[in-house]
Amino acid sequence: MISVVNWAKVLGRLALVVLVFVLAVQIVPIWQNAVGTEPFQGAALVVTLIVVLAAVAMLTIATILDYFIRKRIIAYEESTMDEYAPERAKMKDSVSRMMRSLARETEHGKETPESLSMILNFGDYDNVEVVGERQSRLMPLGKESRTLYRVNPRIKR
């Protein structure tokens, strides 16, 4: 299903390239010498309309499929939350160790904490200082949101 979405996005973008070319032919005066003053009459107009509708349709289909795939992934993650707890604990430990290594770099004066600032999904790691938060939607049109944390590496003593 994800490969279908990717192909729909690629085809939609190709159709947009053709659409931009078609519009450019009408706008750029120098091309009128090559294609004539009225290049889109009769059958050419029908082909142009089909290309425009195909571009809009492909992008709409890709967006709808992407939305449903994201909903299924979120539902799967929520239903298997406990199953992957050990892996999440390992990931949290890895991020904490990485932040400790970065914090050591800042202590040696090689970098400033602000230059190593990053955005994380969780702010409860060891060796981090949360310097900002912002809300982000899980899906562009969805109601659900999450908090993203801007953190700087700091060794907590």
N, C-alpha and C. Protein backbone atom coordinates (compact mmCIF):
# COMPACT_ATOMS: atom_id res chain seq x y z
N MET A 1 0.82 -1.18 0.00
CA MET A 1 0.00 0.00 0.00
C MET A 1 0.88 1.26 0.00
N ILE A 2 1.98 1.22 0.76
CA ILE A 2 2.87 2.38 0.81
C ILE A 2 3.51 2.61 -0.56
N SER A 3 3.85 1.53 -1.28
CA SER A 3 4.44 1.72 -2.61
C SER A 3 3.43 2.33 -3.57
N VAL A 4 2.15 2.02 -3.40
CA VAL A 4 1.11 2.63 -4.24
C VAL A 4 1.07 4.14 -3.99
N VAL A 5 1.16 4.53 -2.72
CA VAL A 5 1.16 5.95 -2.40
C VAL A 5 2.37 6.63 -3.01
N ASN A 6 3.53 5.98 -2.92
CA ASN A 6 4.74 6.58 -3.49
C ASN A 6 4.62 6.75 -4.99
N TRP A 7 4.09 5.75 -5.67
CA TRP A 7 3.92 5.88 -7.13
C TRP A 7 2.88 6.93 -7.48
N ALA A 8 1.82 7.02 -6.67
CA ALA A 8 0.81 8.06 -6.91
C ALA A 8 1.42 9.45 -6.75
N LYS A 9 2.30 9.60 -5.75
CA LYS A 9 2.97 10.90 -5.56
C LYS A 9 3.89 11.21 -6.73
N VAL A 10 4.63 10.21 -7.20
CA VAL A 10 5.54 10.42 -8.33
C VAL A 10 4.76 10.81 -9.58
N LEU A 11 3.68 10.08 -9.87
CA LEU A 11 2.88 10.39 -11.05
C LEU A 11 2.22 11.77 -10.92
N GLY A 12 1.78 12.10 -9.73
CA GLY A 12 1.20 13.42 -9.52
C GLY A 12 2.20 14.53 -9.76
N ARG A 13 3.43 14.32 -9.31
CA ARG A 13 4.47 15.33 -9.52
C ARG A 13 4.85 15.44 -10.99
N LEU A 14 4.91 14.31 -11.69
CA LEU A 14 5.19 14.37 -13.13
C LEU A 14 4.08 15.11 -13.86
N ALA A 15 2.84 14.87 -13.45
CA ALA A 15 1.72 15.58 -14.08
C ALA A 15 1.82 17.08 -13.78
N LEU A 16 2.28 17.44 -12.60
CA LEU A 16 2.46 18.86 -12.29
C LEU A 16 3.56 19.49 -13.13
N VAL A 17 4.62 18.73 -13.42
CA VAL A 17 5.68 19.24 -14.28
C VAL A 17 5.12 19.53 -15.67
N VAL A 18 4.33 18.61 -16.18
CA VAL A 18 3.71 18.83 -17.49
C VAL A 18 2.78 20.03 -17.43
N LEU A 19 2.03 20.16 -16.35
CA LEU A 19 1.12 21.29 -16.19
C LEU A 19 1.89 22.62 -16.17
N VAL A 20 3.00 22.65 -15.46
CA VAL A 20 3.81 23.88 -15.42
C VAL A 20 4.34 24.19 -16.82
N PHE A 21 4.77 23.16 -17.55
CA PHE A 21 5.25 23.38 -18.91
C PHE A 21 4.13 23.94 -19.79
N VAL A 22 2.93 23.38 -19.65
CA VAL A 22 1.79 23.85 -20.46
C VAL A 22 1.50 25.31 -20.14
N LEU A 23 1.51 25.67 -18.87
CA LEU A 23 1.26 27.06 -18.50
C LEU A 23 2.38 27.97 -18.98
N ALA A 24 3.61 27.46 -18.92
CA ALA A 24 4.75 28.28 -19.37
C ALA A 24 4.66 28.56 -20.86
N VAL A 25 4.18 27.60 -21.62
CA VAL A 25 4.04 27.81 -23.06
C VAL A 25 3.07 28.95 -23.33
N GLN A 26 2.05 29.06 -22.52
CA GLN A 26 1.08 30.14 -22.74
C GLN A 26 1.59 31.49 -22.24
N ILE A 27 2.45 31.48 -21.25
CA ILE A 27 2.88 32.74 -20.62
C ILE A 27 4.12 33.32 -21.28
N VAL A 28 5.11 32.50 -21.60
CA VAL A 28 6.39 32.99 -22.09
C VAL A 28 6.26 33.34 -23.58
N PRO A 29 6.46 34.61 -23.94
CA PRO A 29 6.23 35.06 -25.31
C PRO A 29 7.16 34.42 -26.34
N ILE A 30 8.39 34.10 -25.96
CA ILE A 30 9.34 33.60 -26.95
C ILE A 30 8.93 32.23 -27.50
N TRP A 31 8.14 31.47 -26.70
CA TRP A 31 7.72 30.16 -27.16
C TRP A 31 6.60 30.24 -28.19
N GLN A 32 5.97 31.41 -28.30
CA GLN A 32 4.88 31.54 -29.26
C GLN A 32 5.38 31.40 -30.70
N ASN A 33 6.64 31.70 -30.94
CA ASN A 33 7.20 31.50 -32.28
C ASN A 33 7.24 30.02 -32.65
N ALA A 34 7.48 29.17 -31.65
CA ALA A 34 7.60 27.73 -31.92
C ALA A 34 6.25 27.04 -31.94
N VAL A 35 5.32 27.43 -31.06
CA VAL A 35 4.06 26.71 -30.95
C VAL A 35 2.87 27.47 -31.52
N GLY A 36 3.06 28.70 -31.93
CA GLY A 36 1.95 29.49 -32.48
C GLY A 36 1.32 30.34 -31.41
N THR A 37 0.42 31.21 -31.82
CA THR A 37 -0.19 32.14 -30.86
C THR A 37 -1.30 31.48 -30.06
N GLU A 38 -1.95 30.48 -30.58
CA GLU A 38 -3.03 29.78 -29.88
C GLU A 38 -2.73 28.27 -29.89
N PRO A 39 -1.82 27.80 -29.03
CA PRO A 39 -1.42 26.40 -29.08
C PRO A 39 -2.46 25.43 -28.52
N PHE A 40 -3.41 25.94 -27.75
CA PHE A 40 -4.36 25.03 -27.08
C PHE A 40 -5.77 25.26 -27.60
N GLN A 41 -6.02 24.72 -28.77
CA GLN A 41 -7.34 24.77 -29.36
C GLN A 41 -7.73 23.35 -29.75
N GLY A 42 -8.99 23.06 -29.69
CA GLY A 42 -9.49 21.76 -30.14
C GLY A 42 -8.97 20.62 -29.27
N ALA A 43 -8.31 19.65 -29.92
CA ALA A 43 -7.83 18.46 -29.23
C ALA A 43 -6.75 18.80 -28.20
N ALA A 44 -5.93 19.80 -28.47
CA ALA A 44 -4.89 20.19 -27.52
C ALA A 44 -5.50 20.70 -26.22
N LEU A 45 -6.62 21.38 -26.30
CA LEU A 45 -7.30 21.86 -25.10
C LEU A 45 -7.82 20.69 -24.28
N VAL A 46 -8.37 19.69 -24.96
CA VAL A 46 -8.87 18.50 -24.26
C VAL A 46 -7.73 17.77 -23.57
N VAL A 47 -6.61 17.62 -24.25
CA VAL A 47 -5.44 16.96 -23.65
C VAL A 47 -4.94 17.76 -22.45
N THR A 48 -4.92 19.07 -22.57
CA THR A 48 -4.48 19.92 -21.45
C THR A 48 -5.40 19.74 -20.25
N LEU A 49 -6.69 19.74 -20.47
CA LEU A 49 -7.64 19.54 -19.38
C LEU A 49 -7.48 18.17 -18.73
N ILE A 50 -7.22 17.15 -19.53
CA ILE A 50 -7.00 15.81 -18.98
C ILE A 50 -5.75 15.78 -18.12
N VAL A 51 -4.69 16.43 -18.57
CA VAL A 51 -3.45 16.48 -17.78
C VAL A 51 -3.68 17.20 -16.46
N VAL A 52 -4.40 18.30 -16.49
CA VAL A 52 -4.67 19.05 -15.27
C VAL A 52 -5.50 18.20 -14.31
N LEU A 53 -6.56 17.58 -14.82
CA LEU A 53 -7.40 16.75 -13.96
C LEU A 53 -6.63 15.53 -13.43
N ALA A 54 -5.77 14.96 -14.24
CA ALA A 54 -4.96 13.82 -13.78
C ALA A 54 -4.01 14.25 -12.67
N ALA A 55 -3.41 15.41 -12.81
CA ALA A 55 -2.49 15.90 -11.76
C ALA A 55 -3.25 16.10 -10.46
N VAL A 56 -4.39 16.74 -10.52
CA VAL A 56 -5.18 16.97 -9.31
C VAL A 56 -5.66 15.65 -8.72
N ALA A 57 -6.11 14.74 -9.55
CA ALA A 57 -6.60 13.45 -9.07
C ALA A 57 -5.48 12.64 -8.42
N MET A 58 -4.31 12.59 -9.03
CA MET A 58 -3.20 11.81 -8.48
C MET A 58 -2.76 12.36 -7.13
N LEU A 59 -2.67 13.68 -7.02
CA LEU A 59 -2.26 14.26 -5.75
C LEU A 59 -3.33 14.04 -4.67
N THR A 60 -4.59 14.10 -5.04
CA THR A 60 -5.66 13.86 -4.09
C THR A 60 -5.66 12.41 -3.63
N ILE A 61 -5.51 11.49 -4.56
CA ILE A 61 -5.46 10.07 -4.22
C ILE A 61 -4.27 9.78 -3.31
N ALA A 62 -3.12 10.33 -3.61
CA ALA A 62 -1.94 10.11 -2.78
C ALA A 62 -2.16 10.65 -1.37
N THR A 63 -2.78 11.80 -1.25
CA THR A 63 -3.04 12.38 0.06
C THR A 63 -4.02 11.53 0.86
N ILE A 64 -5.08 11.06 0.22
CA ILE A 64 -6.08 10.22 0.92
C ILE A 64 -5.46 8.90 1.35
N LEU A 65 -4.72 8.25 0.46
CA LEU A 65 -4.07 6.99 0.83
C LEU A 65 -3.06 7.19 1.96
N ASP A 66 -2.32 8.27 1.90
CA ASP A 66 -1.35 8.57 2.95
C ASP A 66 -2.05 8.76 4.29
N TYR A 67 -3.18 9.42 4.29
CA TYR A 67 -3.95 9.64 5.51
C TYR A 67 -4.38 8.31 6.12
N PHE A 68 -4.94 7.40 5.31
CA PHE A 68 -5.41 6.13 5.84
C PHE A 68 -4.25 5.24 6.29
N ILE A 69 -3.14 5.28 5.61
CA ILE A 69 -1.98 4.51 6.04
C ILE A 69 -1.48 5.02 7.38
N ARG A 70 -1.42 6.32 7.55
CA ARG A 70 -0.98 6.89 8.84
C ARG A 70 -1.92 6.48 9.96
N LYS A 71 -3.23 6.49 9.70
CA LYS A 71 -4.20 6.07 10.72
C LYS A 71 -3.97 4.61 11.11
N ARG A 72 -3.70 3.75 10.14
CA ARG A 72 -3.46 2.33 10.44
C ARG A 72 -2.17 2.14 11.23
N ILE A 73 -1.14 2.91 10.90
CA ILE A 73 0.12 2.80 11.64
C ILE A 73 -0.08 3.25 13.08
N ILE A 74 -0.79 4.34 13.29
CA ILE A 74 -1.05 4.84 14.65
C ILE A 74 -1.86 3.81 15.44
N ALA A 75 -2.88 3.23 14.82
CA ALA A 75 -3.68 2.21 15.51
C ALA A 75 -2.84 1.00 15.88
N TYR A 76 -1.94 0.59 14.98
CA TYR A 76 -1.07 -0.55 15.27
C TYR A 76 -0.13 -0.23 16.42
N GLU A 77 0.45 0.96 16.41
CA GLU A 77 1.36 1.33 17.49
C GLU A 77 0.64 1.38 18.83
N GLU A 78 -0.58 1.88 18.84
CA GLU A 78 -1.33 1.94 20.09
C GLU A 78 -1.71 0.54 20.58
N SER A 79 -2.02 -0.38 19.68
CA SER A 79 -2.42 -1.72 20.09
C SER A 79 -1.24 -2.59 20.54
N THR A 80 -0.04 -2.25 20.13
CA THR A 80 1.13 -3.06 20.49
C THR A 80 2.10 -2.30 21.39
N MET A 81 1.58 -1.35 22.16
CA MET A 81 2.43 -0.50 22.98
C MET A 81 3.27 -1.32 23.97
N ASP A 82 2.65 -2.27 24.66
CA ASP A 82 3.37 -3.06 25.67
C ASP A 82 4.33 -4.07 25.05
N GLU A 83 4.04 -4.52 23.86
CA GLU A 83 4.87 -5.54 23.22
C GLU A 83 6.28 -5.03 22.93
N TYR A 84 6.42 -3.75 22.65
CA TYR A 84 7.71 -3.20 22.27
C TYR A 84 8.36 -2.35 23.37
N ALA A 85 7.90 -2.52 24.62
CA ALA A 85 8.45 -1.75 25.74
C ALA A 85 9.96 -1.98 25.92
N PRO A 86 10.47 -3.22 25.84
CA PRO A 86 11.92 -3.40 26.00
C PRO A 86 12.74 -2.66 24.93
N GLU A 87 12.25 -2.65 23.70
CA GLU A 87 12.97 -1.95 22.64
C GLU A 87 12.95 -0.44 22.87
N ARG A 88 11.83 0.08 23.36
CA ARG A 88 11.77 1.51 23.65
C ARG A 88 12.72 1.88 24.78
N ALA A 89 12.86 0.99 25.77
CA ALA A 89 13.80 1.25 26.86
C ALA A 89 15.24 1.28 26.34
N LYS A 90 15.57 0.37 25.42
CA LYS A 90 16.91 0.37 24.82
C LYS A 90 17.14 1.65 24.02
N MET A 91 16.13 2.07 23.29
CA MET A 91 16.24 3.30 22.50
C MET A 91 16.45 4.50 23.41
N LYS A 92 15.71 4.55 24.52
CA LYS A 92 15.86 5.67 25.46
C LYS A 92 17.27 5.68 26.04
N ASP A 93 17.79 4.51 26.39
CA ASP A 93 19.15 4.43 26.91
C ASP A 93 20.17 4.89 25.87
N SER A 94 19.96 4.50 24.61
CA SER A 94 20.89 4.90 23.54
C SER A 94 20.88 6.41 23.35
N VAL A 95 19.70 7.02 23.36
CA VAL A 95 19.62 8.47 23.19
C VAL A 95 20.27 9.17 24.38
N SER A 96 20.06 8.65 25.59
CA SER A 96 20.68 9.26 26.77
C SER A 96 22.20 9.18 26.69
N ARG A 97 22.73 8.05 26.23
CA ARG A 97 24.18 7.93 26.09
C ARG A 97 24.71 8.87 25.01
N MET A 98 23.97 9.00 23.92
CA MET A 98 24.37 9.93 22.86
C MET A 98 24.39 11.37 23.38
N MET A 99 23.37 11.73 24.14
CA MET A 99 23.31 13.09 24.69
C MET A 99 24.44 13.31 25.70
N ARG A 100 24.82 12.28 26.46
CA ARG A 100 25.95 12.41 27.38
C ARG A 100 27.23 12.66 26.61
N SER A 101 27.42 11.94 25.50
CA SER A 101 28.62 12.15 24.66
C SER A 101 28.64 13.57 24.10
N LEU A 102 27.50 14.06 23.65
CA LEU A 102 27.44 15.43 23.13
C LEU A 102 27.69 16.44 24.24
N ALA A 103 27.17 16.16 25.43
CA ALA A 103 27.39 17.07 26.55
C ALA A 103 28.87 17.14 26.92
N ARG A 104 29.57 16.03 26.81
CA ARG A 104 31.01 16.04 27.08
C ARG A 104 31.74 16.91 26.08
N GLU A 105 31.30 16.90 24.84
CA GLU A 105 31.90 17.77 23.81
C GLU A 105 31.72 19.24 24.19
N THR A 106 30.58 19.56 24.75
CA THR A 106 30.35 20.95 25.15
C THR A 106 31.20 21.33 26.36
N GLU A 107 31.44 20.37 27.25
CA GLU A 107 32.29 20.66 28.41
C GLU A 107 33.73 20.94 28.02
N HIS A 108 34.19 20.27 26.98
CA HIS A 108 35.57 20.46 26.52
C HIS A 108 35.71 21.73 25.69
N GLY A 109 34.61 22.40 25.42
CA GLY A 109 34.66 23.66 24.70
C GLY A 109 34.72 23.51 23.19
N LYS A 110 34.56 22.29 22.69
CA LYS A 110 34.60 22.10 21.24
C LYS A 110 33.32 22.63 20.57
N GLU A 111 32.22 22.53 21.27
CA GLU A 111 30.93 22.98 20.74
C GLU A 111 30.17 23.69 21.86
N THR A 112 29.19 24.49 21.46
CA THR A 112 28.29 25.08 22.44
C THR A 112 27.04 24.21 22.51
N PRO A 113 26.35 24.19 23.65
CA PRO A 113 25.11 23.39 23.73
C PRO A 113 24.07 23.82 22.69
N GLU A 114 24.03 25.11 22.39
CA GLU A 114 23.05 25.60 21.42
C GLU A 114 23.34 25.11 20.01
N SER A 115 24.62 24.90 19.68
CA SER A 115 24.95 24.41 18.35
C SER A 115 24.60 22.94 18.18
N LEU A 116 24.42 22.22 19.29
CA LEU A 116 24.05 20.81 19.25
C LEU A 116 22.58 20.60 19.61
N SER A 117 21.82 21.67 19.59
CA SER A 117 20.40 21.60 19.92
C SER A 117 19.67 20.72 18.91
N MET A 118 18.67 19.99 19.38
CA MET A 118 17.89 19.13 18.49
C MET A 118 16.46 19.02 19.00
N ILE A 119 15.59 18.51 18.15
CA ILE A 119 14.19 18.34 18.50
C ILE A 119 13.94 16.85 18.70
N LEU A 120 13.37 16.50 19.86
CA LEU A 120 13.08 15.11 20.19
C LEU A 120 11.60 14.95 20.49
N ASN A 121 11.11 13.72 20.36
CA ASN A 121 9.70 13.45 20.65
C ASN A 121 9.41 13.40 22.14
N PHE A 122 10.44 13.14 22.94
CA PHE A 122 10.26 13.06 24.38
C PHE A 122 11.31 13.94 25.05
N GLY A 123 10.96 14.52 26.18
CA GLY A 123 11.89 15.40 26.87
C GLY A 123 12.40 14.82 28.18
N ASP A 124 12.17 13.52 28.42
CA ASP A 124 12.53 12.93 29.70
C ASP A 124 13.83 12.12 29.65
N TYR A 125 14.69 12.42 28.71
CA TYR A 125 15.97 11.72 28.63
C TYR A 125 16.94 12.28 29.66
N ASP A 126 17.92 11.44 30.05
CA ASP A 126 19.00 11.93 30.90
C ASP A 126 19.92 12.80 30.06
N ASN A 127 20.62 13.69 30.70
CA ASN A 127 21.65 14.53 30.07
C ASN A 127 21.09 15.49 29.01
N VAL A 128 19.86 15.93 29.20
CA VAL A 128 19.31 16.94 28.31
C VAL A 128 18.69 18.06 29.14
N GLU A 129 18.67 19.24 28.55
CA GLU A 129 17.99 20.39 29.13
C GLU A 129 16.94 20.82 28.11
N VAL A 130 15.69 20.77 28.52
CA VAL A 130 14.60 21.16 27.62
C VAL A 130 14.57 22.69 27.56
N VAL A 131 14.75 23.24 26.36
CA VAL A 131 14.77 24.69 26.20
C VAL A 131 13.53 25.21 25.47
N GLY A 132 12.69 24.32 24.99
CA GLY A 132 11.48 24.76 24.30
C GLY A 132 10.57 23.60 23.97
N GLU A 133 9.30 23.90 23.82
CA GLU A 133 8.31 22.90 23.43
C GLU A 133 7.43 23.50 22.35
N ARG A 134 6.89 22.61 21.52
CA ARG A 134 5.90 23.07 20.55
C ARG A 134 4.97 21.92 20.22
N GLN A 135 3.76 22.25 19.88
CA GLN A 135 2.77 21.25 19.50
C GLN A 135 2.88 20.97 18.01
N SER A 136 2.76 19.71 17.65
CA SER A 136 2.81 19.32 16.25
C SER A 136 1.70 18.31 16.00
N ARG A 137 1.01 18.46 14.90
CA ARG A 137 -0.06 17.52 14.56
C ARG A 137 0.54 16.25 13.98
N LEU A 138 -0.07 15.12 14.33
CA LEU A 138 0.38 13.84 13.79
C LEU A 138 0.06 13.76 12.30
N MET A 139 -1.08 14.28 11.92
CA MET A 139 -1.49 14.32 10.52
C MET A 139 -1.89 15.75 10.21
N PRO A 140 -1.64 16.20 8.98
CA PRO A 140 -1.91 17.61 8.66
C PRO A 140 -3.33 18.07 8.99
N LEU A 141 -4.32 17.22 8.77
CA LEU A 141 -5.70 17.63 9.03
C LEU A 141 -6.27 16.97 10.28
N GLY A 142 -5.45 16.24 11.02
CA GLY A 142 -5.93 15.50 12.18
C GLY A 142 -6.13 16.36 13.40
N LYS A 143 -6.83 15.79 14.38
CA LYS A 143 -7.10 16.49 15.63
C LYS A 143 -6.02 16.18 16.65
N GLU A 144 -5.39 15.03 16.54
CA GLU A 144 -4.41 14.60 17.52
C GLU A 144 -3.10 15.36 17.33
N SER A 145 -2.50 15.74 18.45
CA SER A 145 -1.22 16.43 18.36
C SER A 145 -0.27 15.84 19.39
N ARG A 146 0.98 16.17 19.26
CA ARG A 146 1.99 15.71 20.20
C ARG A 146 2.91 16.88 20.50
N THR A 147 3.64 16.74 21.58
CA THR A 147 4.58 17.78 21.96
C THR A 147 5.97 17.39 21.50
N LEU A 148 6.63 18.30 20.81
CA LEU A 148 8.03 18.11 20.42
C LEU A 148 8.88 18.99 21.32
N TYR A 149 10.03 18.46 21.73
CA TYR A 149 10.88 19.16 22.68
C TYR A 149 12.19 19.57 22.02
N ARG A 150 12.56 20.84 22.15
CA ARG A 150 13.88 21.30 21.72
C ARG A 150 14.78 21.15 22.93
N VAL A 151 15.86 20.38 22.76
CA VAL A 151 16.74 20.08 23.89
C VAL A 151 18.18 20.43 23.55
N ASN A 152 18.93 20.78 24.58
CA ASN A 152 20.37 20.97 24.49
C ASN A 152 21.04 19.91 25.36
N PRO A 153 22.16 19.38 24.93
CA PRO A 153 22.85 18.38 25.77
C PRO A 153 23.46 19.03 27.00
N ARG A 154 23.23 18.47 28.17
CA ARG A 154 23.80 18.95 29.43
C ARG A 154 24.02 17.73 30.33
N ILE A 155 25.17 17.67 30.96
CA ILE A 155 25.41 16.60 31.92
C ILE A 155 24.79 17.03 33.24
N LYS A 156 23.87 16.19 33.72
CA LYS A 156 23.20 16.51 34.98
C LYS A 156 24.02 15.96 36.12
N ARG A 157 24.26 16.80 37.09
CA ARG A 157 25.09 16.38 38.23
C ARG A 157 24.27 16.32 39.48
